[in-house]
Amino acid sequence: MSTLRYASSLPHPPADVFAWHTRPGALHRLVAPWTDTEIVRFDGVYDGAITELKVDAGLPFRPSWTSRHAGVVDGQKFEDEQVSGPFARWHHVHRFDSDGTGGTLYEDDISYQLPLAPLSDLAAGPLLAPIADEFAYRHRTVRDDLAMHARYGLPPLRIAISGASGLIGTALRHVLTTGGHTVLHLVRGTPRGDDEVGWNAEDGTIQADRLDGLDAVVHLAGEPVFAPRWTDAKKDRIYRSRVDGTALLARTLAALPRPPKAFLCASAVGLYGDRGDLALPETAASGDGFLATVVKDWEAAAQPAADAGIRTVHLRTGIVLSPRGGALAQMLPAFKFGVGGPIGNADAFVPWIGIDDTVGAYVHALATDVSGPVNLAAPEPTTMGLLAETLARVLHRPSVLAVPAPVLEALGGEAAREMLLASARVVPARLLDTDYAFRHPDLETALRHLLGRPRGGAAFPNV
């Protein structure tokens, strides 16, 4: 049997670090986003509990990996043993030892045997290198999530989320549940459990009684904006899904006997339009175009909640970077094949933000008294040319094949002009003024974290 060990120090008691791992969103937070890994089953952390994954093995299909937990000692350790999967044997001990100063020595100790050993041991280095990168990601994520929860010190909250299955909603609910909060999902159609609340913005129906007494409501739902071209029908769905849905929620929350303390409503930096290199804090005037009109009416639709004394926040979100979806996921294939490059105008400012800082900003909005518009963009100004250059460098690929703006406009029309060609130098003034601590304020650090590409190729010890 061969062994692997990954360790880091955390300034939190072992009981807190152990508890984080036992909560519903923990495994989702630990799966590296650059892998095509699906969580099929996660029973929790107790003796006999089963975890089943479809793992990314670089093959045309994803093999199953099933493990069983054992040796659980509350606040100290748990183990998992492979039942079936890609290794001949795999035994993983998760340790949470006191470091003698109130913190935790956080360790992953693994004993394994490759299939066809000892022949396969000759190729162990290349096969195991991705595992080191993934464990480095895990240790960074646990460190940063625990630091965020400790900083805000929120008591357990009950929070409803619309759009909980989208890119942002999925990440947010997993962060919230690992923080000890309870999340209800606003779903279209008939609820299938106690954690679902029915609503339908199109016909104006909602289970209002299920929202009474909640601590907060987060509204993320809306028709996807990205499309090759915007038809009139697509534009109507984009507009109505945001404005009508927000209005329904705002009116409903305002009329509740026990309304939530906070209504966090997604918004967009599309409000600012195409503004060149002009700095755009939240006080900047709105721009022109379809998206600017949508955002103005979208934010105005939440006014009944604010008028009822509910703290209402408009989170004007930029381009969220995640390999699991959105712009980065669409760019990655071309860059991995070495044919990527700037899309449109290389000098256009791109208001990017990493997925972890996106959900971190939502937690910040829950925990502080911020209200009104809040720009969700990283503090480092970045152009399309710099984004392409940085992504290529992180992936060790050239950045050579630019897509000219006239081609994009000819193919996409209005959608391309507003989504791909507009320049918006968005400034996160409200986040900075209220002391939000960005996890990844610069582009290269964010991309290396999200894509598992550590500087210098060393995943540890600098997680």
Protein backbone atom coordinates (compact mmCIF):
# COMPACT_ATOMS: atom_id res chain seq x y z
CA MET A 1 0.00 0.00 0.00
CA SER A 2 1.23 3.48 -0.87
CA THR A 3 0.33 6.59 1.10
CA LEU A 4 -0.58 10.23 0.55
CA ARG A 5 -0.84 12.98 3.16
CA TYR A 6 -2.22 16.49 2.82
CA ALA A 7 -2.27 18.81 5.82
CA SER A 8 -2.88 22.44 6.72
CA SER A 9 -3.47 24.49 9.86
CA LEU A 10 -6.78 26.20 10.55
CA PRO A 11 -7.45 28.81 13.27
CA HIS A 12 -10.72 27.13 14.30
CA PRO A 13 -11.48 24.47 16.94
CA PRO A 14 -11.51 20.85 15.72
CA ALA A 15 -15.22 20.55 16.60
CA ASP A 16 -16.06 23.41 14.20
CA VAL A 17 -14.01 21.97 11.34
CA PHE A 18 -15.49 18.51 11.88
CA ALA A 19 -19.05 19.92 12.00
CA TRP A 20 -18.53 21.74 8.68
CA HIS A 21 -17.80 18.38 7.01
CA THR A 22 -20.99 16.77 8.32
CA ARG A 23 -23.42 19.34 6.86
CA PRO A 24 -25.43 18.87 3.64
CA GLY A 25 -23.41 21.13 1.33
CA ALA A 26 -19.95 20.02 2.44
CA LEU A 27 -19.18 17.40 -0.20
CA HIS A 28 -20.44 19.72 -2.93
CA ARG A 29 -18.07 22.42 -1.69
CA LEU A 30 -15.19 19.93 -1.71
CA VAL A 31 -15.61 18.69 -5.28
CA ALA A 32 -13.18 20.64 -7.46
CA PRO A 33 -15.09 22.70 -10.05
CA TRP A 34 -12.77 21.85 -12.95
CA THR A 35 -13.66 18.14 -12.66
CA ASP A 36 -16.72 16.60 -14.26
CA THR A 37 -17.69 14.86 -11.02
CA GLU A 38 -21.31 14.20 -10.09
CA ILE A 39 -22.48 13.48 -6.55
CA VAL A 40 -25.00 10.66 -6.92
CA ARG A 41 -25.46 9.92 -3.21
CA PHE A 42 -24.24 11.44 0.05
CA ASP A 43 -25.75 10.00 3.21
CA GLY A 44 -23.78 12.19 5.60
CA VAL A 45 -20.98 11.40 8.01
CA TYR A 46 -21.72 8.45 10.29
CA ASP A 47 -20.61 4.84 10.50
CA GLY A 48 -21.98 2.97 7.51
CA ALA A 49 -22.95 6.06 5.51
CA ILE A 50 -22.52 5.68 1.75
CA THR A 51 -21.13 8.19 -0.73
CA GLU A 52 -21.40 7.53 -4.47
CA LEU A 53 -19.74 9.64 -7.14
CA LYS A 54 -19.49 9.63 -10.91
CA VAL A 55 -15.87 10.71 -11.21
CA ASP A 56 -13.95 12.58 -13.87
CA ALA A 57 -11.30 10.13 -15.05
CA GLY A 58 -10.45 11.75 -18.38
CA LEU A 59 -12.49 9.09 -20.19
CA PRO A 60 -15.54 9.34 -22.48
CA PHE A 61 -17.61 8.07 -19.53
CA ARG A 62 -17.54 8.75 -15.79
CA PRO A 63 -16.85 5.63 -13.70
CA SER A 64 -18.64 5.20 -10.37
CA TRP A 65 -16.81 5.45 -7.07
CA THR A 66 -18.63 4.23 -3.96
CA SER A 67 -17.23 4.52 -0.45
CA ARG A 68 -18.46 3.77 3.06
CA HIS A 69 -17.76 5.82 6.18
CA ALA A 70 -16.42 4.17 9.32
CA GLY A 71 -14.38 5.03 12.41
CA VAL A 72 -16.36 8.20 13.12
CA VAL A 73 -15.23 9.94 16.30
CA ASP A 74 -17.26 13.11 16.79
CA GLY A 75 -15.11 16.21 16.54
CA GLN A 76 -11.94 14.23 15.81
CA LYS A 77 -11.98 12.02 12.70
CA PHE A 78 -13.86 9.89 10.22
CA GLU A 79 -12.73 7.40 7.60
CA ASP A 80 -13.95 6.26 4.22
CA GLU A 81 -13.14 2.99 2.52
CA GLN A 82 -13.65 2.38 -1.19
CA VAL A 83 -16.39 -0.19 -1.80
CA SER A 84 -16.02 -0.04 -5.56
CA GLY A 85 -14.14 2.33 -7.80
CA PRO A 86 -11.02 3.16 -9.79
CA PHE A 87 -8.44 2.05 -7.20
CA ALA A 88 -7.57 -1.48 -6.19
CA ARG A 89 -7.77 -0.18 -2.62
CA TRP A 90 -8.43 3.25 -1.10
CA HIS A 91 -8.65 4.11 2.60
CA HIS A 92 -8.97 7.77 3.57
CA VAL A 93 -8.72 9.07 7.15
CA HIS A 94 -9.93 12.64 7.78
CA ARG A 95 -8.28 13.94 10.96
CA PHE A 96 -9.09 17.07 12.96
CA ASP A 97 -6.46 17.30 15.70
CA SER A 98 -5.98 20.11 18.17
CA ASP A 99 -2.86 22.14 17.48
CA GLY A 100 -2.59 23.14 21.15
CA THR A 101 -3.50 26.80 20.51
CA GLY A 102 -7.25 26.44 19.89
CA GLY A 103 -6.82 25.70 16.20
CA THR A 104 -6.87 22.53 14.13
CA LEU A 105 -4.28 20.46 12.32
CA TYR A 106 -6.44 19.42 9.38
CA GLU A 107 -5.16 16.21 7.73
CA ASP A 108 -6.11 13.85 4.95
CA ASP A 109 -4.20 10.58 5.30
CA ILE A 110 -4.71 8.14 2.43
CA SER A 111 -3.54 4.58 1.85
CA TYR A 112 -4.08 3.30 -1.68
CA GLN A 113 -3.16 0.66 -4.21
CA LEU A 114 -3.42 1.24 -7.96
CA PRO A 115 -4.95 -1.38 -10.26
CA LEU A 116 -2.35 -3.71 -11.80
CA ALA A 117 0.25 -2.77 -9.18
CA PRO A 118 3.24 -2.91 -9.13
CA LEU A 119 3.27 -2.31 -12.90
CA SER A 120 0.98 0.71 -12.60
CA ASP A 121 3.23 2.25 -9.92
CA LEU A 122 5.52 3.39 -12.74
CA ALA A 123 2.81 5.81 -13.87
CA ALA A 124 1.75 6.86 -10.37
CA GLY A 125 3.20 10.38 -10.59
CA PRO A 126 1.08 11.67 -13.51
CA LEU A 127 -1.97 9.76 -12.24
CA LEU A 128 -1.81 11.22 -8.73
CA ALA A 129 -0.84 14.82 -9.56
CA PRO A 130 -4.50 15.83 -10.15
CA ILE A 131 -5.37 14.40 -6.72
CA ALA A 132 -2.87 16.75 -5.07
CA ASP A 133 -4.42 19.71 -6.89
CA GLU A 134 -7.90 18.67 -5.80
CA PHE A 135 -6.91 18.30 -2.15
CA ALA A 136 -5.21 21.69 -2.26
CA TYR A 137 -8.50 23.11 -3.55
CA ARG A 138 -10.35 21.35 -0.73
CA HIS A 139 -8.07 22.78 1.94
CA ARG A 140 -8.37 26.31 0.50
CA THR A 141 -12.14 26.03 0.37
CA VAL A 142 -12.50 24.74 3.92
CA ARG A 143 -10.13 27.44 5.17
CA ASP A 144 -11.93 30.27 3.37
CA ASP A 145 -15.47 29.08 4.09
CA LEU A 146 -14.77 28.67 7.80
CA ALA A 147 -13.10 32.08 7.92
CA MET A 148 -16.17 33.66 6.31
CA HIS A 149 -18.63 31.98 8.68
CA ALA A 150 -16.49 32.88 11.69
CA ARG A 151 -16.14 36.48 10.57
CA TYR A 152 -19.87 37.11 10.30
CA GLY A 153 -20.93 34.90 13.21
CA LEU A 154 -24.49 34.54 11.95
CA PRO A 155 -26.93 32.49 14.05
CA PRO A 156 -28.71 29.68 12.18
CA LEU A 157 -31.08 31.31 9.67
CA ARG A 158 -33.99 30.09 7.59
CA ILE A 159 -33.61 31.38 4.04
CA ALA A 160 -35.67 30.82 0.88
CA ILE A 161 -33.93 30.95 -2.51
CA SER A 162 -35.47 31.20 -5.96
CA GLY A 163 -33.27 29.93 -8.77
CA ALA A 164 -31.56 27.62 -6.28
CA SER A 165 -30.54 25.16 -9.00
CA GLY A 166 -28.71 27.73 -11.13
CA LEU A 167 -24.96 28.42 -11.09
CA ILE A 168 -25.09 31.01 -8.30
CA GLY A 169 -28.00 29.44 -6.43
CA THR A 170 -26.36 26.02 -6.26
CA ALA A 171 -23.11 27.42 -4.86
CA LEU A 172 -24.96 29.71 -2.44
CA ARG A 173 -27.16 27.02 -0.92
CA HIS A 174 -24.15 24.76 -0.33
CA VAL A 175 -22.25 27.59 1.36
CA LEU A 176 -25.26 28.43 3.51
CA THR A 177 -25.94 24.85 4.61
CA THR A 178 -22.29 24.30 5.59
CA GLY A 179 -22.71 27.42 7.72
CA GLY A 180 -25.54 25.75 9.62
CA HIS A 181 -28.40 27.58 7.88
CA THR A 182 -31.62 26.04 6.56
CA VAL A 183 -32.44 26.63 2.90
CA LEU A 184 -35.88 26.39 1.29
CA HIS A 185 -36.13 26.21 -2.50
CA LEU A 186 -38.73 28.24 -4.38
CA VAL A 187 -39.81 25.88 -7.18
CA ARG A 188 -42.25 25.99 -10.04
CA GLY A 189 -44.87 23.29 -9.82
CA THR A 190 -45.86 21.12 -6.89
CA PRO A 191 -43.37 21.05 -3.98
CA ARG A 192 -41.93 17.58 -3.35
CA GLY A 193 -40.79 18.05 0.24
CA ASP A 194 -40.69 20.30 3.27
CA ASP A 195 -37.70 22.16 1.84
CA GLU A 196 -39.62 23.36 -1.24
CA VAL A 197 -42.05 26.26 -1.65
CA GLY A 198 -44.24 26.47 -4.74
CA TRP A 199 -44.49 29.60 -6.86
CA ASN A 200 -45.10 30.61 -10.46
CA ALA A 201 -44.39 34.15 -11.59
CA GLU A 202 -46.27 33.65 -14.85
CA ASP A 203 -49.64 33.02 -13.23
CA GLY A 204 -48.92 34.98 -10.04
CA THR A 205 -49.26 32.08 -7.60
CA ILE A 206 -47.11 31.53 -4.52
CA GLN A 207 -47.33 29.64 -1.22
CA ALA A 208 -47.13 32.81 0.84
CA ASP A 209 -47.72 31.10 4.19
CA ARG A 210 -44.51 29.08 3.72
CA LEU A 211 -42.51 32.34 3.57
CA ASP A 212 -43.93 33.79 6.78
CA GLY A 213 -41.35 34.04 9.56
CA LEU A 214 -38.29 33.43 7.40
CA ASP A 215 -35.12 35.38 8.11
CA ALA A 216 -34.37 36.23 4.47
CA VAL A 217 -35.40 35.60 0.88
CA VAL A 218 -32.85 35.47 -1.95
CA HIS A 219 -34.26 35.97 -5.44
CA LEU A 220 -32.08 34.61 -8.26
CA ALA A 221 -34.59 33.18 -10.74
CA GLY A 222 -34.82 34.49 -14.28
CA GLU A 223 -34.78 33.50 -17.94
CA PRO A 224 -31.17 32.92 -19.11
CA VAL A 225 -29.87 35.96 -20.92
CA PHE A 226 -27.31 34.22 -23.13
CA ALA A 227 -28.58 33.27 -26.59
CA PRO A 228 -27.09 33.32 -30.11
CA ARG A 229 -29.59 36.08 -30.96
CA TRP A 230 -32.44 37.75 -29.09
CA THR A 231 -35.81 37.23 -30.69
CA ASP A 232 -38.73 39.36 -29.53
CA ALA A 233 -40.09 36.34 -27.67
CA LYS A 234 -36.74 35.76 -25.93
CA LYS A 235 -36.52 39.39 -24.88
CA ASP A 236 -40.06 39.26 -23.51
CA ARG A 237 -39.19 36.17 -21.44
CA ILE A 238 -36.02 37.85 -20.12
CA TYR A 239 -37.97 40.93 -19.10
CA ARG A 240 -41.08 39.27 -17.68
CA SER A 241 -39.25 36.58 -15.73
CA ARG A 242 -37.29 39.22 -13.86
CA VAL A 243 -39.77 42.04 -13.45
CA ASP A 244 -42.91 39.98 -12.84
CA GLY A 245 -41.15 37.49 -10.59
CA THR A 246 -39.58 40.21 -8.47
CA ALA A 247 -42.86 42.12 -8.21
CA LEU A 248 -44.72 38.99 -7.07
CA LEU A 249 -42.15 38.23 -4.37
CA ALA A 250 -41.93 41.85 -3.20
CA ARG A 251 -45.72 42.21 -2.87
CA THR A 252 -45.99 38.84 -1.13
CA LEU A 253 -43.22 39.54 1.37
CA ALA A 254 -44.59 43.01 2.14
CA ALA A 255 -47.99 41.55 3.05
CA LEU A 256 -46.74 38.80 5.39
CA PRO A 257 -47.57 39.00 9.11
CA ARG A 258 -43.90 38.25 9.84
CA PRO A 259 -41.91 39.43 6.81
CA PRO A 260 -38.24 38.53 6.40
CA LYS A 261 -35.64 40.99 7.58
CA ALA A 262 -33.83 40.95 4.23
CA PHE A 263 -34.75 40.58 0.56
CA LEU A 264 -31.65 39.98 -1.57
CA CYS A 265 -32.55 40.41 -5.21
CA ALA A 266 -30.21 39.56 -8.06
CA SER A 267 -29.59 42.37 -10.51
CA ALA A 268 -26.99 42.97 -13.22
CA VAL A 269 -24.22 45.31 -14.31
CA GLY A 270 -26.05 45.46 -17.63
CA LEU A 271 -27.67 48.53 -16.09
CA TYR A 272 -24.57 50.56 -17.01
CA GLY A 273 -24.53 49.70 -20.71
CA ASP A 274 -21.46 50.27 -22.91
CA ARG A 275 -19.39 52.92 -21.08
CA GLY A 276 -15.81 52.52 -22.32
CA ASP A 277 -13.22 53.07 -19.57
CA LEU A 278 -15.44 55.17 -17.28
CA ALA A 279 -15.33 53.96 -13.66
CA LEU A 280 -18.81 52.78 -12.63
CA PRO A 281 -19.57 52.64 -8.91
CA GLU A 282 -23.15 52.10 -7.74
CA THR A 283 -23.86 55.84 -8.00
CA ALA A 284 -23.14 55.89 -11.75
CA ALA A 285 -26.02 56.72 -14.06
CA SER A 286 -27.66 53.94 -16.02
CA GLY A 287 -26.76 53.41 -19.65
CA ASP A 288 -28.77 52.66 -22.76
CA GLY A 289 -30.02 49.45 -24.30
CA PHE A 290 -32.35 46.56 -23.64
CA LEU A 291 -30.47 45.21 -20.60
CA ALA A 292 -30.32 48.64 -18.97
CA THR A 293 -34.10 48.92 -19.31
CA VAL A 294 -34.60 45.42 -17.90
CA VAL A 295 -32.41 46.13 -14.87
CA LYS A 296 -34.06 49.48 -14.09
CA ASP A 297 -37.53 47.93 -14.10
CA TRP A 298 -36.25 44.80 -12.32
CA GLU A 299 -34.90 46.80 -9.40
CA ALA A 300 -37.99 49.05 -9.31
CA ALA A 301 -40.20 45.96 -9.01
CA ALA A 302 -38.71 45.22 -5.56
CA GLN A 303 -39.86 48.56 -4.14
CA PRO A 304 -42.94 47.19 -2.28
CA ALA A 305 -40.60 45.14 -0.08
CA ALA A 306 -38.44 48.17 0.71
CA ASP A 307 -41.55 50.29 1.40
CA ALA A 308 -42.65 47.65 3.94
CA GLY A 309 -39.38 48.08 5.87
CA ILE A 310 -37.68 44.96 4.52
CA ARG A 311 -33.98 45.62 3.94
CA THR A 312 -33.73 45.24 0.17
CA VAL A 313 -30.45 44.72 -1.66
CA HIS A 314 -29.93 44.75 -5.44
CA LEU A 315 -26.84 42.65 -6.20
CA ARG A 316 -25.69 43.91 -9.60
CA THR A 317 -23.77 40.89 -10.78
CA GLY A 318 -21.00 40.95 -13.35
CA ILE A 319 -19.58 38.02 -15.33
CA VAL A 320 -19.35 35.17 -12.83
CA LEU A 321 -16.32 32.96 -13.41
CA SER A 322 -16.79 29.24 -12.86
CA PRO A 323 -15.84 26.23 -14.99
CA ARG A 324 -19.26 24.81 -14.09
CA GLY A 325 -21.15 27.33 -16.20
CA GLY A 326 -21.36 30.82 -17.67
CA ALA A 327 -18.77 32.62 -19.76
CA LEU A 328 -15.69 30.78 -18.46
CA ALA A 329 -17.17 27.35 -19.18
CA GLN A 330 -17.91 28.47 -22.75
CA MET A 331 -14.39 29.82 -23.26
CA LEU A 332 -12.48 26.86 -21.83
CA PRO A 333 -12.74 24.36 -24.71
CA ALA A 334 -11.16 26.72 -27.24
CA PHE A 335 -8.39 27.75 -24.85
CA LYS A 336 -7.63 24.16 -23.84
CA PHE A 337 -7.16 23.31 -27.53
CA GLY A 338 -4.83 26.30 -27.93
CA VAL A 339 -7.10 28.26 -30.27
CA GLY A 340 -8.64 30.69 -27.77
CA GLY A 341 -8.25 34.43 -27.83
CA PRO A 342 -10.03 37.72 -27.09
CA ILE A 343 -13.73 37.83 -27.92
CA GLY A 344 -14.61 41.09 -29.61
CA ASN A 345 -12.83 44.26 -28.50
CA ALA A 346 -9.63 43.43 -26.57
CA ASP A 347 -9.76 46.86 -24.88
CA ALA A 348 -13.29 46.42 -23.53
CA PHE A 349 -13.51 46.16 -19.73
CA VAL A 350 -14.92 42.89 -18.40
CA PRO A 351 -16.66 43.16 -14.98
CA TRP A 352 -15.67 39.68 -13.76
CA ILE A 353 -16.07 38.10 -10.32
CA GLY A 354 -15.24 34.58 -9.10
CA ILE A 355 -18.08 32.29 -8.05
CA ASP A 356 -16.80 32.12 -4.45
CA ASP A 357 -16.78 35.90 -4.13
CA THR A 358 -20.23 36.03 -5.72
CA VAL A 359 -21.72 33.84 -3.00
CA GLY A 360 -19.48 35.51 -0.43
CA ALA A 361 -21.06 38.84 -1.35
CA TYR A 362 -24.52 37.36 -0.77
CA VAL A 363 -23.46 36.16 2.69
CA HIS A 364 -22.01 39.63 3.31
CA ALA A 365 -25.34 41.18 2.32
CA LEU A 366 -27.16 38.81 4.69
CA ALA A 367 -24.88 39.60 7.61
CA THR A 368 -24.46 43.38 7.30
CA ASP A 369 -26.89 46.29 7.08
CA VAL A 370 -26.07 47.08 3.44
CA SER A 371 -29.09 48.00 1.31
CA GLY A 372 -29.80 49.29 -2.18
CA PRO A 373 -27.51 48.58 -5.13
CA VAL A 374 -24.29 46.59 -4.64
CA ASN A 375 -21.91 45.92 -7.53
CA LEU A 376 -20.64 42.35 -7.70
CA ALA A 377 -17.36 42.68 -9.56
CA ALA A 378 -13.74 42.10 -8.55
CA PRO A 379 -11.70 45.19 -7.60
CA GLU A 380 -9.05 44.53 -10.26
CA PRO A 381 -10.02 46.19 -13.58
CA THR A 382 -9.63 43.68 -16.41
CA THR A 383 -9.99 43.98 -20.17
CA MET A 384 -11.03 41.24 -22.57
CA GLY A 385 -7.48 41.11 -23.89
CA LEU A 386 -6.05 40.68 -20.39
CA LEU A 387 -8.65 38.02 -19.58
CA ALA A 388 -7.69 35.99 -22.65
CA GLU A 389 -3.97 36.42 -21.98
CA THR A 390 -4.31 35.39 -18.32
CA LEU A 391 -6.51 32.38 -19.06
CA ALA A 392 -4.05 31.18 -21.70
CA ARG A 393 -1.11 31.57 -19.29
CA VAL A 394 -2.89 29.66 -16.51
CA LEU A 395 -3.68 26.83 -18.93
CA HIS A 396 -0.18 26.93 -20.50
CA ARG A 397 -1.68 27.59 -23.91
CA PRO A 398 -1.24 30.35 -26.50
CA SER A 399 -3.80 33.12 -26.93
CA VAL A 400 -3.86 33.58 -30.67
CA LEU A 401 -7.29 33.36 -32.29
CA ALA A 402 -9.29 36.51 -31.62
CA VAL A 403 -12.95 36.71 -32.63
CA PRO A 404 -13.42 40.12 -34.31
CA ALA A 405 -16.21 42.38 -33.07
CA PRO A 406 -17.80 42.79 -36.55
CA VAL A 407 -18.16 39.00 -36.85
CA LEU A 408 -19.83 38.77 -33.45
CA GLU A 409 -22.19 41.62 -34.24
CA ALA A 410 -23.10 40.11 -37.59
CA LEU A 411 -23.89 36.77 -35.96
CA GLY A 412 -25.50 37.92 -32.71
CA GLY A 413 -26.87 41.37 -33.40
CA GLU A 414 -28.23 43.17 -30.34
CA ALA A 415 -27.40 40.25 -28.02
CA ALA A 416 -23.74 40.33 -29.07
CA ARG A 417 -23.51 44.13 -28.76
CA GLU A 418 -24.85 44.15 -25.20
CA MET A 419 -23.41 40.91 -23.79
CA LEU A 420 -20.10 40.41 -25.61
CA LEU A 421 -18.98 43.78 -26.95
CA ALA A 422 -20.02 46.27 -24.27
CA SER A 423 -17.31 47.72 -22.01
CA ALA A 424 -18.15 48.29 -18.34
CA ARG A 425 -15.45 49.19 -15.81
CA VAL A 426 -17.55 48.32 -12.78
CA VAL A 427 -16.24 49.31 -9.33
CA PRO A 428 -17.40 47.31 -6.24
CA ALA A 429 -17.53 50.46 -4.12
CA ARG A 430 -20.22 49.31 -1.68
CA LEU A 431 -18.48 46.00 -0.98
CA LEU A 432 -15.18 47.74 -0.34
CA ASP A 433 -16.78 50.49 1.76
CA THR A 434 -18.45 47.87 3.96
CA ASP A 435 -15.20 45.92 4.39
CA TYR A 436 -15.97 42.88 2.28
CA ALA A 437 -12.76 40.80 2.04
CA PHE A 438 -12.38 39.42 -1.49
CA ARG A 439 -11.05 35.87 -1.63
CA HIS A 440 -9.72 36.38 -5.15
CA PRO A 441 -9.30 40.07 -5.93
CA ASP A 442 -7.02 39.47 -8.93
CA LEU A 443 -7.84 37.50 -12.06
CA GLU A 444 -4.91 35.10 -12.13
CA THR A 445 -5.41 33.96 -8.53
CA ALA A 446 -9.11 33.38 -9.23
CA LEU A 447 -8.45 31.35 -12.37
CA ARG A 448 -5.73 29.25 -10.78
CA HIS A 449 -8.06 28.42 -7.88
CA LEU A 450 -11.01 27.57 -10.14
CA LEU A 451 -9.01 25.53 -12.65
CA GLY A 452 -6.63 23.72 -10.29
CA ARG A 453 -3.52 25.29 -11.77
CA PRO A 454 -1.28 26.26 -8.81
CA ARG A 455 1.61 28.62 -9.36
CA GLY A 456 4.82 26.75 -10.13
CA GLY A 457 2.88 23.49 -10.40
CA ALA A 458 3.03 22.78 -6.64
CA ALA A 459 -0.34 22.16 -5.02
CA PHE A 460 1.06 21.90 -1.47
CA PRO A 461 2.05 23.19 0.99
CA ASN A 462 0.82 26.64 -0.17
CA VAL A 463 -2.88 25.91 -0.49
